[in-house]
C-alpha cells in the first residue's frame, strides 16, 4: 500500500479487541461462553438446536457444539478438583484437630 505521498505505508496495526488474557482467566464459564460466541447463552442454544440442511451452518454449529462441550468438560474437571480439594482439606483438619462434634 502507498500513502497519499506515494511512499510505501506500513500495514495497519490490528487493534486489540476484547479482554486481556489475565481478565479472561477471571471470567466464569458462562461469561467465557458468551465472550467466545459474542452472544447470550439463549442465542447460543438456538444455534446449537439448529436442524437445517445448509452444510455451512451445520459445520459451524458442529464446531460450536464441540467448543461448548470442551468448555463444559473443563468446568466439570475444575469442579471435581475443587470437591476433591475440599474433601482432602476437611480430612486433614479432622485428623489434625480431631472431631469437634
PDB file of N, CA and C in Angstrom:
ATOM      1  N   UNK A   1       0.839  -1.183   0.000  1.00  0.00           N
ATOM      2  CA  UNK A   1       0.000   0.000   0.000  1.00  0.00           C
ATOM      3  C   UNK A   1       0.883   1.247   0.000  1.00  0.00           C
ATOM      4  N   UNK A   2       0.375   2.262  -0.623  1.00  0.00           N
ATOM      5  CA  UNK A   2       1.077   3.540  -0.665  1.00  0.00           C
ATOM      6  C   UNK A   2       0.204   4.608  -0.019  1.00  0.00           C
ATOM      7  N   UNK A   3       0.860   5.540   0.671  1.00  0.00           N
ATOM      8  CA  UNK A   3       0.108   6.623   1.291  1.00  0.00           C
ATOM      9  C   UNK A   3      -0.140   7.735   0.278  1.00  0.00           C
ATOM     10  N   UNK A   4      -0.670   8.859   0.710  1.00  0.00           N
ATOM     11  CA  UNK A   4      -1.026   9.955  -0.183  1.00  0.00           C
ATOM     12  C   UNK A   4       0.198  10.538  -0.888  1.00  0.00           C
ATOM     13  N   UNK A   5       1.373  10.444  -0.295  1.00  0.00           N
ATOM     14  CA  UNK A   5       2.595  10.972  -0.903  1.00  0.00           C
ATOM     15  C   UNK A   5       3.244   9.979  -1.860  1.00  0.00           C
ATOM     16  N   UNK A   6       2.693   8.805  -1.994  1.00  0.00           N
ATOM     17  CA  UNK A   6       3.245   7.803  -2.884  1.00  0.00           C
ATOM     18  C   UNK A   6       4.275   6.904  -2.239  1.00  0.00           C
ATOM     19  N   UNK A   7       4.556   7.127  -0.958  1.00  0.00           N
ATOM     20  CA  UNK A   7       5.522   6.287  -0.257  1.00  0.00           C
ATOM     21  C   UNK A   7       4.827   5.032   0.261  1.00  0.00           C
ATOM     22  N   UNK A   8       5.648   3.984   0.432  1.00  0.00           N
ATOM     23  CA  UNK A   8       5.096   2.728   0.932  1.00  0.00           C
ATOM     24  C   UNK A   8       4.692   2.927   2.393  1.00  0.00           C
ATOM     25  N   UNK A   9       3.438   2.626   2.668  1.00  0.00           N
ATOM     26  CA  UNK A   9       2.910   2.786   4.021  1.00  0.00           C
ATOM     27  C   UNK A   9       2.984   1.457   4.757  1.00  0.00           C
ATOM     28  N   UNK A  10       3.293   1.503   6.044  1.00  0.00           N
ATOM     29  CA  UNK A  10       3.304   0.241   6.799  1.00  0.00           C
ATOM     30  C   UNK A  10       1.885  -0.299   6.915  1.00  0.00           C
ATOM     31  N   UNK A  11       1.767  -1.603   7.023  1.00  0.00           N
ATOM     32  CA  UNK A  11       0.420  -2.169   7.161  1.00  0.00           C
ATOM     33  C   UNK A  11      -0.219  -1.668   8.452  1.00  0.00           C
ATOM     34  N   UNK A  12      -1.529  -1.499   8.451  1.00  0.00           N
ATOM     35  CA  UNK A  12      -2.190  -1.020   9.669  1.00  0.00           C
ATOM     36  C   UNK A  12      -2.060  -2.049  10.780  1.00  0.00           C
ATOM     37  N   UNK A  13      -1.832  -1.555  11.985  1.00  0.00           N
ATOM     38  CA  UNK A  13      -1.733  -2.458  13.129  1.00  0.00           C
ATOM     39  C   UNK A  13      -3.124  -2.915  13.524  1.00  0.00           C
ATOM     40  N   UNK A  14      -3.295  -4.212  13.721  1.00  0.00           N
ATOM     41  CA  UNK A  14      -4.607  -4.665  14.171  1.00  0.00           C
ATOM     42  C   UNK A  14      -4.880  -4.151  15.583  1.00  0.00           C
ATOM     43  N   UNK A  15      -6.090  -3.700  15.795  1.00  0.00           N
ATOM     44  CA  UNK A  15      -6.453  -3.207  17.114  1.00  0.00           C
ATOM     45  C   UNK A  15      -6.777  -4.383  18.017  1.00  0.00           C
ATOM     46  N   UNK A  16      -6.404  -4.251  19.266  1.00  0.00           N
ATOM     47  CA  UNK A  16      -6.725  -5.296  20.232  1.00  0.00           C
ATOM     48  C   UNK A  16      -8.189  -5.228  20.565  1.00  0.00           C
ATOM     49  N   UNK A  17      -8.815  -6.346  20.447  1.00  0.00           N
ATOM     50  CA  UNK A  17     -10.231  -6.409  20.765  1.00  0.00           C
ATOM     51  C   UNK A  17     -10.436  -7.348  21.938  1.00  0.00           C
ATOM     52  N   UNK A  18     -11.395  -7.052  22.725  1.00  0.00           N
ATOM     53  CA  UNK A  18     -11.736  -7.945  23.821  1.00  0.00           C
ATOM     54  C   UNK A  18     -10.897  -7.734  25.057  1.00  0.00           C
ATOM     55  N   UNK A  19     -10.860  -8.769  25.858  1.00  0.00           N
ATOM     56  CA  UNK A  19     -10.190  -8.708  27.160  1.00  0.00           C
ATOM     57  C   UNK A  19      -8.753  -9.212  27.064  1.00  0.00           C
ATOM     58  N   UNK A  20      -7.978  -8.820  28.041  1.00  0.00           N
ATOM     59  CA  UNK A  20      -6.611  -9.333  28.138  1.00  0.00           C
ATOM     60  C   UNK A  20      -6.674 -10.777  28.644  1.00  0.00           C
ATOM     61  N   UNK A  21      -5.613 -11.560  28.427  1.00  0.00           N
ATOM     62  CA  UNK A  21      -5.616 -12.933  28.936  1.00  0.00           C
ATOM     63  C   UNK A  21      -5.832 -12.994  30.453  1.00  0.00           C
ATOM     64  N   UNK A  22      -5.284 -12.017  31.169  1.00  0.00           N
ATOM     65  CA  UNK A  22      -5.465 -12.003  32.623  1.00  0.00           C
ATOM     66  C   UNK A  22      -6.938 -11.785  32.973  1.00  0.00           C
ATOM     67  N   UNK A  23      -7.603 -10.903  32.265  1.00  0.00           N
ATOM     68  CA  UNK A  23      -9.015 -10.641  32.537  1.00  0.00           C
ATOM     69  C   UNK A  23      -9.883 -11.842  32.157  1.00  0.00           C
ATOM     70  N   UNK A  24      -9.498 -12.558  31.075  1.00  0.00           N
ATOM     71  CA  UNK A  24     -10.288 -13.725  30.662  1.00  0.00           C
ATOM     72  C   UNK A  24     -10.222 -14.835  31.694  1.00  0.00           C
ATOM     73  N   UNK A  25      -9.098 -14.958  32.396  1.00  0.00           N
ATOM     74  CA  UNK A  25      -8.977 -16.025  33.403  1.00  0.00           C
ATOM     75  C   UNK A  25      -9.963 -15.838  34.544  1.00  0.00           C
ATOM     76  N   UNK A  26     -10.366 -14.600  34.808  1.00  0.00           N
ATOM     77  CA  UNK A  26     -11.272 -14.334  35.923  1.00  0.00           C
ATOM     78  C   UNK A  26     -12.740 -14.485  35.555  1.00  0.00           C
ATOM     79  N   UNK A  27     -13.038 -14.794  34.296  1.00  0.00           N
ATOM     80  CA  UNK A  27     -14.424 -14.928  33.872  1.00  0.00           C
ATOM     81  C   UNK A  27     -14.999 -16.263  34.326  1.00  0.00           C
ATOM     82  N   UNK A  28     -16.286 -16.267  34.587  1.00  0.00           N
ATOM     83  CA  UNK A  28     -16.967 -17.525  34.900  1.00  0.00           C
ATOM     84  C   UNK A  28     -17.123 -18.320  33.604  1.00  0.00           C
ATOM     85  N   UNK A  29     -17.427 -19.617  33.704  1.00  0.00           N
ATOM     86  CA  UNK A  29     -17.620 -20.407  32.485  1.00  0.00           C
ATOM     87  C   UNK A  29     -18.711 -19.839  31.578  1.00  0.00           C
ATOM     88  N   UNK A  30     -19.777 -19.326  32.161  1.00  0.00           N
ATOM     89  CA  UNK A  30     -20.856 -18.743  31.363  1.00  0.00           C
ATOM     90  C   UNK A  30     -20.355 -17.498  30.638  1.00  0.00           C
ATOM     91  N   UNK A  31     -19.616 -16.651  31.333  1.00  0.00           N
ATOM     92  CA  UNK A  31     -19.084 -15.446  30.705  1.00  0.00           C
ATOM     93  C   UNK A  31     -18.080 -15.793  29.613  1.00  0.00           C
ATOM     94  N   UNK A  32     -17.314 -16.878  29.800  1.00  0.00           N
ATOM     95  CA  UNK A  32     -16.380 -17.307  28.762  1.00  0.00           C
ATOM     96  C   UNK A  32     -17.129 -17.728  27.503  1.00  0.00           C
ATOM     97  N   UNK A  33     -18.223 -18.457  27.685  1.00  0.00           N
ATOM     98  CA  UNK A  33     -19.025 -18.863  26.535  1.00  0.00           C
ATOM     99  C   UNK A  33     -19.607 -17.652  25.825  1.00  0.00           C
ATOM    100  N   UNK A  34     -20.124 -16.704  26.600  1.00  0.00           N
ATOM    101  CA  UNK A  34     -20.711 -15.516  25.995  1.00  0.00           C
ATOM    102  C   UNK A  34     -19.654 -14.710  25.251  1.00  0.00           C
ATOM    103  N   UNK A  35     -18.460 -14.597  25.805  1.00  0.00           N
ATOM    104  CA  UNK A  35     -17.390 -13.864  25.134  1.00  0.00           C
ATOM    105  C   UNK A  35     -16.903 -14.617  23.897  1.00  0.00           C
ATOM    106  N   UNK A  36     -16.844 -15.946  23.979  1.00  0.00           N
ATOM    107  CA  UNK A  36     -16.380 -16.755  22.864  1.00  0.00           C
ATOM    108  C   UNK A  36     -17.280 -16.596  21.651  1.00  0.00           C
ATOM    109  N   UNK A  37     -18.573 -16.634  21.869  1.00  0.00           N
ATOM    110  CA  UNK A  37     -19.512 -16.555  20.760  1.00  0.00           C
ATOM    111  C   UNK A  37     -20.057 -15.161  20.522  1.00  0.00           C
ATOM    112  N   UNK A  38     -19.781 -14.238  21.428  1.00  0.00           N
ATOM    113  CA  UNK A  38     -20.256 -12.873  21.243  1.00  0.00           C
ATOM    114  C   UNK A  38     -21.769 -12.768  21.296  1.00  0.00           C
ATOM    115  N   UNK A  39     -22.396 -13.668  22.013  1.00  0.00           N
ATOM    116  CA  UNK A  39     -23.846 -13.624  22.143  1.00  0.00           C
ATOM    117  C   UNK A  39     -24.259 -14.275  23.451  1.00  0.00           C
ATOM    118  N   UNK A  40     -25.510 -14.117  23.775  1.00  0.00           N
ATOM    119  CA  UNK A  40     -26.007 -14.672  25.029  1.00  0.00           C
ATOM    120  C   UNK A  40     -26.138 -16.189  24.919  1.00  0.00           C
ATOM    121  N   UNK A  41     -26.300 -16.836  26.055  1.00  0.00           N
ATOM    122  CA  UNK A  41     -26.450 -18.290  26.028  1.00  0.00           C
ATOM    123  C   UNK A  41     -27.757 -18.716  25.377  1.00  0.00           C
ATOM    124  N   UNK A  42     -28.793 -17.867  25.447  1.00  0.00           N
ATOM    125  CA  UNK A  42     -30.052 -18.198  24.770  1.00  0.00           C
ATOM    126  C   UNK A  42     -29.849 -18.258  23.261  1.00  0.00           C
ATOM    127  N   UNK A  43     -29.104 -17.282  22.729  1.00  0.00           N
ATOM    128  CA  UNK A  43     -28.821 -17.287  21.290  1.00  0.00           C
ATOM    129  C   UNK A  43     -27.924 -18.468  20.924  1.00  0.00           C
ATOM    130  N   UNK A  44     -26.971 -18.806  21.799  1.00  0.00           N
ATOM    131  CA  UNK A  44     -26.110 -19.962  21.544  1.00  0.00           C
ATOM    132  C   UNK A  44     -26.943 -21.246  21.544  1.00  0.00           C
ATOM    133  N   UNK A  45     -27.921 -21.328  22.433  1.00  0.00           N
ATOM    134  CA  UNK A  45     -28.797 -22.501  22.470  1.00  0.00           C
ATOM    135  C   UNK A  45     -29.589 -22.621  21.170  1.00  0.00           C
ATOM    136  N   UNK A  46     -30.064 -21.491  20.656  1.00  0.00           N
ATOM    137  CA  UNK A  46     -30.758 -21.519  19.364  1.00  0.00           C
ATOM    138  C   UNK A  46     -29.823 -22.037  18.266  1.00  0.00           C
ATOM    139  N   UNK A  47     -28.565 -21.594  18.288  1.00  0.00           N
ATOM    140  CA  UNK A  47     -27.599 -22.080  17.300  1.00  0.00           C
ATOM    141  C   UNK A  47     -27.379 -23.580  17.439  1.00  0.00           C
ATOM    142  N   UNK A  48     -27.262 -24.047  18.672  1.00  0.00           N
ATOM    143  CA  UNK A  48     -26.981 -25.463  18.884  1.00  0.00           C
ATOM    144  C   UNK A  48     -28.156 -26.351  18.519  1.00  0.00           C
ATOM    145  N   UNK A  49     -29.364 -25.806  18.567  1.00  0.00           N
ATOM    146  CA  UNK A  49     -30.528 -26.620  18.260  1.00  0.00           C
ATOM    147  C   UNK A  49     -30.937 -26.520  16.792  1.00  0.00           C
ATOM    148  N   UNK A  50     -30.098 -25.952  15.956  1.00  0.00           N
ATOM    149  CA  UNK A  50     -30.367 -25.804  14.523  1.00  0.00           C
ATOM    150  C   UNK A  50     -30.489 -27.178  13.876  1.00  0.00           C
ATOM    151  N   UNK A  51     -31.517 -27.369  13.065  1.00  0.00           N
ATOM    152  CA  UNK A  51     -31.733 -28.659  12.406  1.00  0.00           C
ATOM    153  C   UNK A  51     -31.851 -28.517  10.885  1.00  0.00           C
ATOM    154  N   UNK A  52     -31.329 -27.434  10.317  1.00  0.00           N
ATOM    155  CA  UNK A  52     -31.463 -27.176   8.886  1.00  0.00           C
ATOM    156  C   UNK A  52     -30.567 -28.048   8.029  1.00  0.00           C
ATOM    157  N   UNK A  53     -30.632 -27.795   6.726  1.00  0.00           N
ATOM    158  CA  UNK A  53     -29.890 -28.610   5.766  1.00  0.00           C
ATOM    159  C   UNK A  53     -28.666 -27.916   5.204  1.00  0.00           C
ATOM    160  N   UNK A  54     -28.455 -26.640   5.514  1.00  0.00           N
ATOM    161  CA  UNK A  54     -27.321 -25.905   4.963  1.00  0.00           C
ATOM    162  C   UNK A  54     -26.024 -26.469   5.537  1.00  0.00           C
ATOM    163  N   UNK A  55     -25.124 -27.019   4.692  1.00  0.00           N
ATOM    164  CA  UNK A  55     -23.917 -27.662   5.218  1.00  0.00           C
ATOM    165  C   UNK A  55     -22.977 -26.697   5.940  1.00  0.00           C
ATOM    166  N   UNK A  56     -22.929 -25.438   5.503  1.00  0.00           N
ATOM    167  CA  UNK A  56     -22.047 -24.474   6.163  1.00  0.00           C
ATOM    168  C   UNK A  56     -22.545 -24.157   7.571  1.00  0.00           C
ATOM    169  N   UNK A  57     -23.845 -23.954   7.691  1.00  0.00           N
ATOM    170  CA  UNK A  57     -24.416 -23.705   9.022  1.00  0.00           C
ATOM    171  C   UNK A  57     -24.256 -24.924   9.908  1.00  0.00           C
ATOM    172  N   UNK A  58     -24.442 -26.096   9.326  1.00  0.00           N
ATOM    173  CA  UNK A  58     -24.301 -27.329  10.091  1.00  0.00           C
ATOM    174  C   UNK A  58     -22.860 -27.493  10.581  1.00  0.00           C
ATOM    175  N   UNK A  59     -21.875 -27.171   9.729  1.00  0.00           N
ATOM    176  CA  UNK A  59     -20.466 -27.267  10.128  1.00  0.00           C
ATOM    177  C   UNK A  59     -20.151 -26.266  11.238  1.00  0.00           C
ATOM    178  N   UNK A  60     -20.670 -25.054  11.113  1.00  0.00           N
ATOM    179  CA  UNK A  60     -20.429 -24.034  12.145  1.00  0.00           C
ATOM    180  C   UNK A  60     -21.048 -24.457  13.462  1.00  0.00           C
ATOM    181  N   UNK A  61     -22.224 -25.009  13.405  1.00  0.00           N
ATOM    182  CA  UNK A  61     -22.891 -25.417  14.641  1.00  0.00           C
ATOM    183  C   UNK A  61     -22.216 -26.644  15.248  1.00  0.00           C
ATOM    184  N   UNK A  62     -21.693 -27.527  14.423  1.00  0.00           N
ATOM    185  CA  UNK A  62     -20.942 -28.667  14.942  1.00  0.00           C
ATOM    186  C   UNK A  62     -19.690 -28.188  15.665  1.00  0.00           C
ATOM    187  N   UNK A  63     -19.026 -27.209  15.088  1.00  0.00           N
ATOM    188  CA  UNK A  63     -17.848 -26.632  15.735  1.00  0.00           C
ATOM    189  C   UNK A  63     -18.237 -25.961  17.053  1.00  0.00           C
ATOM    190  N   UNK A  64     -19.360 -25.265  17.054  1.00  0.00           N
ATOM    191  CA  UNK A  64     -19.834 -24.617  18.282  1.00  0.00           C
ATOM    192  C   UNK A  64     -20.151 -25.657  19.346  1.00  0.00           C
ATOM    193  N   UNK A  65     -20.787 -26.742  18.942  1.00  0.00           N
ATOM    194  CA  UNK A  65     -21.085 -27.815  19.907  1.00  0.00           C
ATOM    195  C   UNK A  65     -19.802 -28.342  20.528  1.00  0.00           C
ATOM    196  N   UNK A  66     -18.798 -28.561  19.699  1.00  0.00           N
ATOM    197  CA  UNK A  66     -17.517 -29.065  20.198  1.00  0.00           C
ATOM    198  C   UNK A  66     -16.932 -28.100  21.219  1.00  0.00           C
ATOM    199  N   UNK A  67     -16.934 -26.809  20.895  1.00  0.00           N
ATOM    200  CA  UNK A  67     -16.384 -25.808  21.809  1.00  0.00           C
ATOM    201  C   UNK A  67     -17.137 -25.791  23.135  1.00  0.00           C
ATOM    202  N   UNK A  68     -18.454 -25.823  23.059  1.00  0.00           N
ATOM    203  CA  UNK A  68     -19.267 -25.793  24.277  1.00  0.00           C
ATOM    204  C   UNK A  68     -19.007 -27.037  25.120  1.00  0.00           C
ATOM    205  N   UNK A  69     -18.934 -28.183  24.483  1.00  0.00           N
ATOM    206  CA  UNK A  69     -18.688 -29.425  25.224  1.00  0.00           C
ATOM    207  C   UNK A  69     -17.316 -29.388  25.895  1.00  0.00           C
ATOM    208  N   UNK A  70     -16.304 -28.881  25.193  1.00  0.00           N
ATOM    209  CA  UNK A  70     -14.965 -28.817  25.774  1.00  0.00           C
ATOM    210  C   UNK A  70     -14.927 -27.852  26.967  1.00  0.00           C
ATOM    211  N   UNK A  71     -15.595 -26.719  26.854  1.00  0.00           N
ATOM    212  CA  UNK A  71     -15.630 -25.766  27.961  1.00  0.00           C
ATOM    213  C   UNK A  71     -16.375 -26.368  29.145  1.00  0.00           C
ATOM    214  N   UNK A  72     -17.482 -27.048  28.870  1.00  0.00           N
ATOM    215  CA  UNK A  72     -18.240 -27.693  29.948  1.00  0.00           C
ATOM    216  C   UNK A  72     -17.417 -28.798  30.609  1.00  0.00           C
ATOM    217  N   UNK A  73     -16.690 -29.557  29.810  1.00  0.00           N
ATOM    218  CA  UNK A  73     -15.850 -30.618  30.371  1.00  0.00           C
ATOM    219  C   UNK A  73     -14.762 -30.028  31.258  1.00  0.00           C
ATOM    220  N   UNK A  74     -14.156 -28.941  30.812  1.00  0.00           N
ATOM    221  CA  UNK A  74     -13.121 -28.301  31.620  1.00  0.00           C
ATOM    222  C   UNK A  74     -13.714 -27.796  32.934  1.00  0.00           C
ATOM    223  N   UNK A  75     -14.901 -27.216  32.865  1.00  0.00           N
ATOM    224  CA  UNK A  75     -15.565 -26.736  34.079  1.00  0.00           C
ATOM    225  C   UNK A  75     -15.869 -27.910  35.015  1.00  0.00           C
ATOM    226  N   UNK A  76     -16.328 -29.033  34.443  1.00  0.00           N
ATOM    227  CA  UNK A  76     -16.601 -30.210  35.262  1.00  0.00           C
ATOM    228  C   UNK A  76     -15.354 -30.740  35.947  1.00  0.00           C
ATOM    229  N   UNK A  77     -14.235 -30.737  35.233  1.00  0.00           N
ATOM    230  CA  UNK A  77     -12.968 -31.179  35.825  1.00  0.00           C
ATOM    231  C   UNK A  77     -12.551 -30.242  36.951  1.00  0.00           C
ATOM    232  N   UNK A  78     -12.685 -28.929  36.724  1.00  0.00           N
ATOM    233  CA  UNK A  78     -12.332 -27.961  37.768  1.00  0.00           C
ATOM    234  C   UNK A  78     -13.193 -28.155  39.014  1.00  0.00           C
ATOM    235  N   UNK A  79     -14.485 -28.399  38.826  1.00  0.00           N
ATOM    236  CA  UNK A  79     -15.379 -28.599  39.965  1.00  0.00           C
ATOM    237  C   UNK A  79     -15.032 -29.894  40.698  1.00  0.00           C
ATOM    238  N   UNK A  80     -14.663 -30.926  39.953  1.00  0.00           N
ATOM    239  CA  UNK A  80     -14.264 -32.190  40.562  1.00  0.00           C
ATOM    240  C   UNK A  80     -13.006 -31.999  41.402  1.00  0.00           C
ATOM    241  N   UNK A  81     -12.049 -31.264  40.866  1.00  0.00           N
ATOM    242  CA  UNK A  81     -10.823 -30.992  41.624  1.00  0.00           C
ATOM    243  C   UNK A  81     -11.111 -30.176  42.875  1.00  0.00           C
ATOM    244  N   UNK A  82     -12.023 -29.217  42.767  1.00  0.00           N
ATOM    245  CA  UNK A  82     -12.379 -28.396  43.928  1.00  0.00           C
ATOM    246  C   UNK A  82     -13.033 -29.258  45.016  1.00  0.00           C
ATOM    247  N   UNK A  83     -13.936 -30.153  44.616  1.00  0.00           N
ATOM    248  CA  UNK A  83     -14.558 -31.050  45.597  1.00  0.00           C
ATOM    249  C   UNK A  83     -13.522 -31.948  46.254  1.00  0.00           C
ATOM    250  N   UNK A  84     -12.585 -32.469  45.459  1.00  0.00           N
ATOM    251  CA  UNK A  84     -11.525 -33.325  45.996  1.00  0.00           C
ATOM    252  C   UNK A  84     -10.633 -32.536  46.954  1.00  0.00           C
ATOM    253  N   UNK A  85     -10.317 -31.296  46.579  1.00  0.00           N
ATOM    254  CA  UNK A  85      -9.501 -30.446  47.444  1.00  0.00           C
ATOM    255  C   UNK A  85     -10.213 -30.191  48.771  1.00  0.00           C
ATOM    256  N   UNK A  86     -11.504 -29.911  48.716  1.00  0.00           N
ATOM    257  CA  UNK A  86     -12.270 -29.687  49.939  1.00  0.00           C
ATOM    258  C   UNK A  86     -12.326 -30.947  50.798  1.00  0.00           C
ATOM    259  N   UNK A  87     -12.489 -32.110  50.164  1.00  0.00           N
ATOM    260  CA  UNK A  87     -12.541 -33.370  50.905  1.00  0.00           C
ATOM    261  C   UNK A  87     -11.216 -33.628  51.612  1.00  0.00           C
ATOM    262  N   UNK A  88     -10.113 -33.435  50.903  1.00  0.00           N
ATOM    263  CA  UNK A  88      -8.787 -33.664  51.488  1.00  0.00           C
ATOM    264  C   UNK A  88      -8.531 -32.674  52.615  1.00  0.00           C
ATOM    265  N   UNK A  89      -8.898 -31.424  52.412  1.00  0.00           N
ATOM    266  CA  UNK A  89      -8.710 -30.404  53.442  1.00  0.00           C
ATOM    267  C   UNK A  89      -9.506 -30.730  54.708  1.00  0.00           C
ATOM    268  N   UNK A  90     -10.743 -31.150  54.540  1.00  0.00           N
ATOM    269  CA  UNK A  90     -11.543 -31.491  55.719  1.00  0.00           C
ATOM    270  C   UNK A  90     -11.002 -32.746  56.412  1.00  0.00           C
ATOM    271  N   UNK A  91     -10.503 -33.700  55.620  1.00  0.00           N
ATOM    272  CA  UNK A  91      -9.905 -34.907  56.209  1.00  0.00           C
ATOM    273  C   UNK A  91      -8.646 -34.556  56.995  1.00  0.00           C
ATOM    274  N   UNK A  92      -7.820 -33.697  56.448  1.00  0.00           N
ATOM    275  CA  UNK A  92      -6.598 -33.284  57.149  1.00  0.00           C
ATOM    276  C   UNK A  92      -6.938 -32.509  58.430  1.00  0.00           C
ATOM    277  N   UNK A  93      -7.936 -31.649  58.346  1.00  0.00           N
ATOM    278  CA  UNK A  93      -8.363 -30.882  59.521  1.00  0.00           C
ATOM    279  C   UNK A  93      -8.889 -31.821  60.598  1.00  0.00           C
ATOM    280  N   UNK A  94      -9.685 -32.820  60.170  1.00  0.00           N
ATOM    281  CA  UNK A  94     -10.235 -33.782  61.121  1.00  0.00           C
ATOM    282  C   UNK A  94      -9.106 -34.573  61.798  1.00  0.00           C
ATOM    283  N   UNK A  95      -8.122 -35.000  61.008  1.00  0.00           N
ATOM    284  CA  UNK A  95      -7.013 -35.772  61.601  1.00  0.00           C
ATOM    285  C   UNK A  95      -6.162 -34.928  62.526  1.00  0.00           C
ATOM    286  N   UNK A  96      -5.955 -33.682  62.163  1.00  0.00           N
ATOM    287  CA  UNK A  96      -5.086 -32.813  62.956  1.00  0.00           C
ATOM    288  C   UNK A  96      -5.772 -32.365  64.255  1.00  0.00           C
ATOM    289  N   UNK A  97      -7.006 -31.968  64.142  1.00  0.00           N
ATOM    290  CA  UNK A  97      -7.684 -31.377  65.305  1.00  0.00           C
ATOM    291  C   UNK A  97      -8.755 -32.276  65.896  1.00  0.00           C
ATOM    292  N   UNK A  98      -9.015 -33.414  65.292  1.00  0.00           N
ATOM    293  CA  UNK A  98      -9.999 -34.345  65.819  1.00  0.00           C
ATOM    294  C   UNK A  98     -11.412 -33.900  65.515  1.00  0.00           C
ATOM    295  N   UNK A  99     -12.365 -34.773  65.807  1.00  0.00           N
ATOM    296  CA  UNK A  99     -13.772 -34.437  65.593  1.00  0.00           C
ATOM    297  C   UNK A  99     -14.207 -33.425  66.615  1.00  0.00           C
ATOM    298  N   UNK A 100     -14.890 -32.386  66.173  1.00  0.00           N
ATOM    299  CA  UNK A 100     -15.395 -31.336  67.061  1.00  0.00           C
ATOM    300  C   UNK A 100     -16.899 -31.494  67.262  1.00  0.00           C
ATOM    301  N   UNK A 101     -17.426 -32.664  66.993  1.00  0.00           N
ATOM    302  CA  UNK A 101     -18.882 -32.872  67.092  1.00  0.00           C
ATOM    303  C   UNK A 101     -19.365 -32.986  68.486  1.00  0.00           C
TER     304      UNK A 101
END
